[in-house]
Amino acid sequence: EVVENSYVNSGGDQSLEGSIERRSVLLRPLFEPPREIEIETSRGAHGGGDNVMLQDLFGEPVTDEYMRAASHVDGAASILTGIAANRSIATGQVVMVDDILKVPG
């Protein structure tokens, strides 16, 4: 669980805006007791995520051992999932993403 402070201070110390109030991950493996995993502290807004995103967008390309970066195709698939969900809600029918648009994969 990562909880950010949502407080926005238009005239004071802006370093507290979006600051992380607490962070933890509780892993619940099958057939084992749960255990808490420490999350590294990073500098910058959103737990250091902003720095990672800005580096990814404007910095030199680096290899991501976890392969987290989404492509434009991944983005389109994500949007289409939402479109299909909205159509399903509106019609009460099952809506397949591939019936809206085939995403190359």
Protein backbone atom coordinates (compact mmCIF):
# COMPACT_ATOMS: atom_id res chain seq x y z
CA GLU A 1 0.00 0.00 0.00
CA VAL A 2 1.38 3.39 -0.99
CA VAL A 3 -0.61 6.37 0.24
CA GLU A 4 0.23 9.84 -1.06
CA ASN A 5 -0.73 13.08 0.59
CA SER A 6 -3.30 14.67 -1.73
CA TYR A 7 -2.98 18.07 -0.05
CA VAL A 8 -2.37 20.94 -2.48
CA ASN A 9 -0.95 24.10 -0.92
CA SER A 10 -1.19 27.01 -3.33
CA GLY A 11 0.93 29.36 -1.26
CA GLY A 12 3.12 27.36 1.10
CA ASP A 13 5.68 24.57 1.10
CA GLN A 14 4.94 22.68 -2.09
CA SER A 15 7.44 19.94 -1.26
CA LEU A 16 4.74 18.33 0.89
CA GLU A 17 2.28 18.09 -2.00
CA GLY A 18 1.96 14.50 -3.14
CA SER A 19 4.40 13.35 -0.46
CA ILE A 20 4.15 9.72 0.56
CA GLU A 21 2.59 9.18 3.95
CA ARG A 22 3.19 5.45 4.20
CA ARG A 23 4.38 2.61 1.99
CA SER A 24 4.22 -1.14 2.29
CA VAL A 25 3.55 -4.26 0.26
CA LEU A 26 1.95 -7.23 1.90
CA LEU A 27 2.75 -10.40 -0.02
CA ARG A 28 0.24 -13.20 0.49
CA PRO A 29 1.72 -16.34 -1.09
CA LEU A 30 -0.38 -19.49 -1.25
CA PHE A 31 0.17 -21.88 1.65
CA GLU A 32 2.52 -19.46 3.42
CA PRO A 33 1.95 -16.72 5.97
CA PRO A 34 1.77 -13.15 4.64
CA ARG A 35 4.93 -11.08 4.85
CA GLU A 36 5.60 -7.39 4.46
CA ILE A 37 8.10 -6.31 1.83
CA GLU A 38 9.99 -3.03 2.18
CA ILE A 39 9.61 -0.49 -0.61
CA GLU A 40 12.70 1.56 -1.39
CA THR A 41 12.47 5.28 -0.72
CA SER A 42 12.96 7.37 -3.85
CA ARG A 43 13.27 11.10 -4.30
CA GLY A 44 10.74 13.18 -6.17
CA ALA A 45 7.00 13.27 -6.61
CA HIS A 46 4.92 10.11 -6.78
CA GLY A 47 7.55 8.09 -4.95
CA GLY A 48 10.17 8.87 -7.59
CA GLY A 49 7.85 7.79 -10.40
CA ASP A 50 7.88 11.23 -12.01
CA ASN A 51 11.67 11.10 -12.38
CA VAL A 52 11.45 7.64 -13.94
CA MET A 53 8.74 8.79 -16.37
CA LEU A 54 10.63 11.95 -17.36
CA GLN A 55 13.82 9.96 -17.90
CA ASP A 56 11.88 7.48 -20.04
CA LEU A 57 10.32 10.25 -22.14
CA PHE A 58 13.24 12.65 -22.53
CA GLY A 59 16.41 10.86 -21.40
CA GLU A 60 18.73 8.38 -23.00
CA PRO A 61 17.09 4.98 -23.59
CA VAL A 62 17.94 2.40 -20.94
CA THR A 63 17.21 -1.30 -20.65
CA ASP A 64 14.36 -2.06 -18.25
CA GLU A 65 14.97 -5.49 -16.78
CA TYR A 66 11.29 -5.67 -15.74
CA MET A 67 9.97 -4.68 -19.20
CA ARG A 68 7.50 -2.18 -17.68
CA ALA A 69 7.30 0.30 -20.55
CA ALA A 70 4.05 0.23 -22.49
CA SER A 71 4.04 0.81 -26.22
CA HIS A 72 1.53 2.76 -28.28
CA VAL A 73 -0.12 -0.59 -29.06
CA ASP A 74 -0.46 -1.31 -25.33
CA GLY A 75 -2.03 2.12 -24.88
CA ALA A 76 -4.53 1.48 -27.68
CA ALA A 77 -5.43 -1.90 -26.18
CA SER A 78 -6.02 -0.24 -22.83
CA ILE A 79 -8.31 2.39 -24.33
CA LEU A 80 -10.20 -0.25 -26.31
CA THR A 81 -10.78 -2.22 -23.12
CA GLY A 82 -12.51 0.82 -21.64
CA ILE A 83 -14.54 1.38 -24.81
CA ALA A 84 -15.66 -2.27 -24.78
CA ALA A 85 -16.60 -2.01 -21.10
CA ASN A 86 -18.65 1.13 -21.72
CA ARG A 87 -20.45 -0.49 -24.67
CA SER A 88 -21.16 -3.55 -22.56
CA ILE A 89 -22.61 -1.41 -19.77
CA ALA A 90 -24.74 0.54 -22.26
CA THR A 91 -26.06 -2.52 -24.11
CA GLY A 92 -25.97 -5.22 -21.45
CA GLN A 93 -24.17 -7.43 -23.97
CA VAL A 94 -20.71 -8.97 -24.08
CA VAL A 95 -18.43 -6.77 -26.19
CA MET A 96 -15.18 -8.22 -27.50
CA VAL A 97 -12.29 -5.79 -27.99
CA ASP A 98 -11.39 -7.49 -31.28
CA ASP A 99 -14.91 -6.74 -32.56
CA ILE A 100 -14.17 -3.01 -32.14
CA LEU A 101 -10.67 -3.04 -33.59
CA LYS A 102 -8.05 -5.72 -34.05
CA VAL A 103 -4.91 -4.69 -32.18
CA PRO A 104 -1.71 -6.14 -33.63
CA GLY A 105 0.11 -8.17 -31.10
